[in-house]
Amino acid sequence: MQNPLARVGNSVFAGLGLGMLIPGVLLCAAWYLMHQFAFLAKADLLLIGCIAVNAVLLHYFFKLNKENVGRGIISATFIWAFAFFFYKINQ
């Protein structure tokens, strides 16, 4: 059976959607865990790890020769990085 990610069309918007959705779900889970357990309250590296998942996605799509999806994932990574930067400034 073929991997569902391999069926993604080669468009920048598909990559942008994947790059925003997958880390977004992971960030929601990490945010929940950070507020439930006191020892994770200052674990900003956990948030960075959620965003770093995009590097794995990027590598996978470049192996499939879907460069436009990779460009969308890179764009989403920069958006998440700026969001994390502003979160840290306002904290």
N, C-alpha and C. Protein backbone atom coordinates (compact mmCIF):
# COMPACT_ATOMS: atom_id res chain seq x y z
N MET A 1 0.84 -1.18 0.00
CA MET A 1 0.00 0.00 0.00
C MET A 1 0.89 1.25 0.00
N GLN A 2 0.51 2.22 -0.79
CA GLN A 2 1.30 3.42 -0.94
C GLN A 2 1.07 4.38 0.23
N ASN A 3 2.13 5.07 0.61
CA ASN A 3 2.06 6.04 1.69
C ASN A 3 1.13 7.19 1.28
N PRO A 4 0.22 7.63 2.16
CA PRO A 4 -0.69 8.72 1.78
C PRO A 4 0.03 10.03 1.47
N LEU A 5 1.19 10.25 2.05
CA LEU A 5 1.93 11.49 1.76
C LEU A 5 2.51 11.46 0.35
N ALA A 6 2.73 10.28 -0.21
CA ALA A 6 3.29 10.18 -1.56
C ALA A 6 2.27 10.61 -2.61
N ARG A 7 0.99 10.60 -2.26
CA ARG A 7 -0.05 10.98 -3.21
C ARG A 7 -0.31 12.48 -3.25
N VAL A 8 0.38 13.24 -2.43
CA VAL A 8 0.19 14.69 -2.39
C VAL A 8 0.65 15.28 -3.72
N GLY A 9 -0.16 16.16 -4.28
CA GLY A 9 0.21 16.82 -5.52
C GLY A 9 1.41 17.74 -5.34
N ASN A 10 2.11 17.99 -6.42
CA ASN A 10 3.33 18.80 -6.36
C ASN A 10 2.98 20.28 -6.49
N SER A 11 2.43 20.85 -5.42
CA SER A 11 2.12 22.28 -5.42
C SER A 11 2.61 22.91 -4.12
N VAL A 12 2.91 24.19 -4.22
CA VAL A 12 3.41 24.93 -3.07
C VAL A 12 2.34 25.00 -1.98
N PHE A 13 1.08 25.14 -2.38
CA PHE A 13 0.00 25.26 -1.39
C PHE A 13 -0.21 23.95 -0.62
N ALA A 14 0.00 22.82 -1.28
CA ALA A 14 -0.08 21.54 -0.57
C ALA A 14 1.03 21.46 0.48
N GLY A 15 2.22 21.89 0.12
CA GLY A 15 3.33 21.89 1.08
C GLY A 15 3.11 22.86 2.21
N LEU A 16 2.54 24.02 1.88
CA LEU A 16 2.24 25.01 2.92
C LEU A 16 1.20 24.46 3.88
N GLY A 17 0.20 23.79 3.35
CA GLY A 17 -0.83 23.19 4.21
C GLY A 17 -0.27 22.11 5.11
N LEU A 18 0.54 21.21 4.54
CA LEU A 18 1.16 20.16 5.35
C LEU A 18 2.12 20.75 6.38
N GLY A 19 2.89 21.74 5.96
CA GLY A 19 3.86 22.36 6.86
C GLY A 19 3.23 23.14 7.99
N MET A 20 2.00 23.58 7.81
CA MET A 20 1.29 24.27 8.88
C MET A 20 0.48 23.29 9.75
N LEU A 21 -0.09 22.28 9.12
CA LEU A 21 -1.00 21.36 9.82
C LEU A 21 -0.27 20.42 10.78
N ILE A 22 0.74 19.73 10.28
CA ILE A 22 1.39 18.70 11.10
C ILE A 22 2.09 19.31 12.32
N PRO A 23 2.91 20.36 12.17
CA PRO A 23 3.47 20.96 13.39
C PRO A 23 2.40 21.62 14.26
N GLY A 24 1.32 22.11 13.67
CA GLY A 24 0.24 22.71 14.45
C GLY A 24 -0.39 21.71 15.40
N VAL A 25 -0.64 20.51 14.90
CA VAL A 25 -1.20 19.45 15.75
C VAL A 25 -0.21 19.07 16.85
N LEU A 26 1.06 18.94 16.48
CA LEU A 26 2.07 18.60 17.48
C LEU A 26 2.24 19.72 18.52
N LEU A 27 2.16 20.96 18.07
CA LEU A 27 2.28 22.08 19.00
C LEU A 27 1.10 22.13 19.97
N CYS A 28 -0.09 21.80 19.49
CA CYS A 28 -1.25 21.76 20.39
C CYS A 28 -1.05 20.70 21.47
N ALA A 29 -0.55 19.53 21.07
CA ALA A 29 -0.29 18.47 22.05
C ALA A 29 0.80 18.89 23.03
N ALA A 30 1.86 19.51 22.53
CA ALA A 30 2.95 19.95 23.41
C ALA A 30 2.47 21.05 24.36
N TRP A 31 1.66 21.97 23.84
CA TRP A 31 1.12 23.06 24.68
C TRP A 31 0.28 22.48 25.81
N TYR A 32 -0.54 21.47 25.49
CA TYR A 32 -1.36 20.82 26.51
C TYR A 32 -0.47 20.16 27.57
N LEU A 33 0.54 19.44 27.12
CA LEU A 33 1.44 18.77 28.07
C LEU A 33 2.21 19.77 28.92
N MET A 34 2.60 20.89 28.34
CA MET A 34 3.33 21.91 29.09
C MET A 34 2.48 22.53 30.19
N HIS A 35 1.18 22.56 30.00
CA HIS A 35 0.31 23.13 31.01
C HIS A 35 -0.22 22.09 32.00
N GLN A 36 -0.03 20.82 31.72
CA GLN A 36 -0.47 19.77 32.63
C GLN A 36 0.63 19.33 33.58
N PHE A 37 1.87 19.40 33.13
CA PHE A 37 3.00 18.93 33.93
C PHE A 37 3.93 20.11 34.22
N ALA A 38 4.19 20.33 35.50
CA ALA A 38 4.97 21.50 35.91
C ALA A 38 6.41 21.45 35.40
N PHE A 39 7.00 20.26 35.30
CA PHE A 39 8.40 20.18 34.87
C PHE A 39 8.56 20.49 33.38
N LEU A 40 7.48 20.54 32.62
CA LEU A 40 7.54 20.90 31.21
C LEU A 40 7.16 22.36 30.95
N ALA A 41 6.94 23.12 32.01
CA ALA A 41 6.44 24.49 31.85
C ALA A 41 7.40 25.38 31.07
N LYS A 42 8.69 25.17 31.22
CA LYS A 42 9.68 26.00 30.53
C LYS A 42 10.41 25.23 29.44
N ALA A 43 9.80 24.20 28.91
CA ALA A 43 10.44 23.34 27.91
C ALA A 43 10.21 23.89 26.51
N ASP A 44 10.88 24.98 26.19
CA ASP A 44 10.73 25.58 24.87
C ASP A 44 11.34 24.72 23.78
N LEU A 45 12.29 23.88 24.15
CA LEU A 45 12.88 22.98 23.17
C LEU A 45 11.84 21.99 22.63
N LEU A 46 10.85 21.69 23.43
CA LEU A 46 9.75 20.84 22.98
C LEU A 46 8.97 21.51 21.84
N LEU A 47 8.77 22.80 21.94
CA LEU A 47 8.09 23.54 20.88
C LEU A 47 8.95 23.61 19.62
N ILE A 48 10.23 23.80 19.79
CA ILE A 48 11.14 23.84 18.64
C ILE A 48 11.17 22.48 17.95
N GLY A 49 11.11 21.41 18.72
CA GLY A 49 11.08 20.06 18.15
C GLY A 49 9.84 19.82 17.31
N CYS A 50 8.72 20.40 17.73
CA CYS A 50 7.49 20.26 16.94
C CYS A 50 7.62 20.94 15.59
N ILE A 51 8.30 22.05 15.56
CA ILE A 51 8.51 22.77 14.31
C ILE A 51 9.56 22.04 13.46
N ALA A 52 10.54 21.41 14.11
CA ALA A 52 11.61 20.72 13.39
C ALA A 52 11.12 19.49 12.65
N VAL A 53 9.92 19.03 12.93
CA VAL A 53 9.35 17.91 12.19
C VAL A 53 9.26 18.25 10.71
N ASN A 54 9.17 19.53 10.40
CA ASN A 54 9.12 19.95 9.00
C ASN A 54 10.40 19.57 8.26
N ALA A 55 11.52 19.46 8.94
CA ALA A 55 12.77 19.05 8.28
C ALA A 55 12.66 17.61 7.78
N VAL A 56 12.01 16.77 8.55
CA VAL A 56 11.79 15.38 8.12
C VAL A 56 10.86 15.34 6.91
N LEU A 57 9.80 16.13 6.98
CA LEU A 57 8.88 16.21 5.84
C LEU A 57 9.59 16.73 4.59
N LEU A 58 10.41 17.73 4.77
CA LEU A 58 11.13 18.33 3.66
C LEU A 58 12.04 17.30 3.00
N HIS A 59 12.76 16.56 3.79
CA HIS A 59 13.66 15.53 3.27
C HIS A 59 12.86 14.46 2.50
N TYR A 60 11.73 14.06 3.04
CA TYR A 60 10.90 13.04 2.40
C TYR A 60 10.41 13.50 1.02
N PHE A 61 9.92 14.72 0.95
CA PHE A 61 9.38 15.20 -0.32
C PHE A 61 10.48 15.52 -1.34
N PHE A 62 11.64 15.91 -0.88
CA PHE A 62 12.74 16.10 -1.83
C PHE A 62 13.20 14.76 -2.39
N LYS A 63 13.11 13.69 -1.60
CA LYS A 63 13.44 12.36 -2.11
C LYS A 63 12.45 11.93 -3.19
N LEU A 64 11.21 12.37 -3.08
CA LEU A 64 10.17 12.05 -4.07
C LEU A 64 10.20 12.99 -5.26
N ASN A 65 11.17 13.90 -5.30
CA ASN A 65 11.29 14.91 -6.37
C ASN A 65 10.06 15.81 -6.47
N LYS A 66 9.54 16.19 -5.34
CA LYS A 66 8.42 17.13 -5.28
C LYS A 66 8.93 18.43 -4.67
N GLU A 67 9.65 19.19 -5.49
CA GLU A 67 10.31 20.40 -5.00
C GLU A 67 9.33 21.48 -4.61
N ASN A 68 8.19 21.57 -5.30
CA ASN A 68 7.22 22.61 -4.96
C ASN A 68 6.60 22.37 -3.58
N VAL A 69 6.37 21.11 -3.24
CA VAL A 69 5.87 20.80 -1.90
C VAL A 69 6.94 21.19 -0.86
N GLY A 70 8.19 20.92 -1.19
CA GLY A 70 9.29 21.31 -0.29
C GLY A 70 9.36 22.80 -0.08
N ARG A 71 9.11 23.56 -1.13
CA ARG A 71 9.10 25.03 -0.99
C ARG A 71 7.99 25.49 -0.06
N GLY A 72 6.84 24.86 -0.16
CA GLY A 72 5.74 25.20 0.74
C GLY A 72 6.06 24.86 2.18
N ILE A 73 6.73 23.72 2.39
CA ILE A 73 7.11 23.31 3.74
C ILE A 73 8.13 24.29 4.32
N ILE A 74 9.08 24.72 3.50
CA ILE A 74 10.06 25.72 3.96
C ILE A 74 9.36 27.01 4.37
N SER A 75 8.39 27.43 3.56
CA SER A 75 7.64 28.65 3.88
C SER A 75 6.91 28.50 5.21
N ALA A 76 6.28 27.36 5.41
CA ALA A 76 5.56 27.12 6.66
C ALA A 76 6.52 27.09 7.85
N THR A 77 7.70 26.55 7.64
CA THR A 77 8.70 26.51 8.72
C THR A 77 9.09 27.91 9.14
N PHE A 78 9.28 28.81 8.17
CA PHE A 78 9.60 30.20 8.52
C PHE A 78 8.44 30.88 9.24
N ILE A 79 7.23 30.59 8.84
CA ILE A 79 6.06 31.17 9.53
C ILE A 79 6.03 30.70 10.98
N TRP A 80 6.22 29.38 11.18
CA TRP A 80 6.22 28.86 12.55
C TRP A 80 7.39 29.43 13.35
N ALA A 81 8.55 29.60 12.71
CA ALA A 81 9.71 30.16 13.43
C ALA A 81 9.45 31.59 13.86
N PHE A 82 8.83 32.39 12.99
CA PHE A 82 8.49 33.77 13.38
C PHE A 82 7.46 33.78 14.50
N ALA A 83 6.50 32.87 14.46
CA ALA A 83 5.50 32.78 15.53
C ALA A 83 6.17 32.43 16.86
N PHE A 84 7.12 31.49 16.83
CA PHE A 84 7.84 31.13 18.05
C PHE A 84 8.68 32.31 18.54
N PHE A 85 9.30 33.05 17.63
CA PHE A 85 10.10 34.21 18.00
C PHE A 85 9.24 35.25 18.70
N PHE A 86 8.08 35.55 18.16
CA PHE A 86 7.21 36.53 18.80
C PHE A 86 6.63 36.02 20.12
N TYR A 87 6.42 34.71 20.20
CA TYR A 87 5.98 34.12 21.47
C TYR A 87 7.05 34.34 22.55
N LYS A 88 8.32 34.12 22.19
CA LYS A 88 9.39 34.27 23.16
C LYS A 88 9.60 35.74 23.55
N ILE A 89 9.41 36.65 22.59
CA ILE A 89 9.56 38.07 22.92
C ILE A 89 8.48 38.53 23.87
N ASN A 90 7.26 38.08 23.68
CA ASN A 90 6.13 38.51 24.50
C ASN A 90 6.01 37.75 25.82
N GLN A 91 6.82 36.77 26.03
CA GLN A 91 6.71 35.94 27.23
C GLN A 91 7.31 36.63 28.42
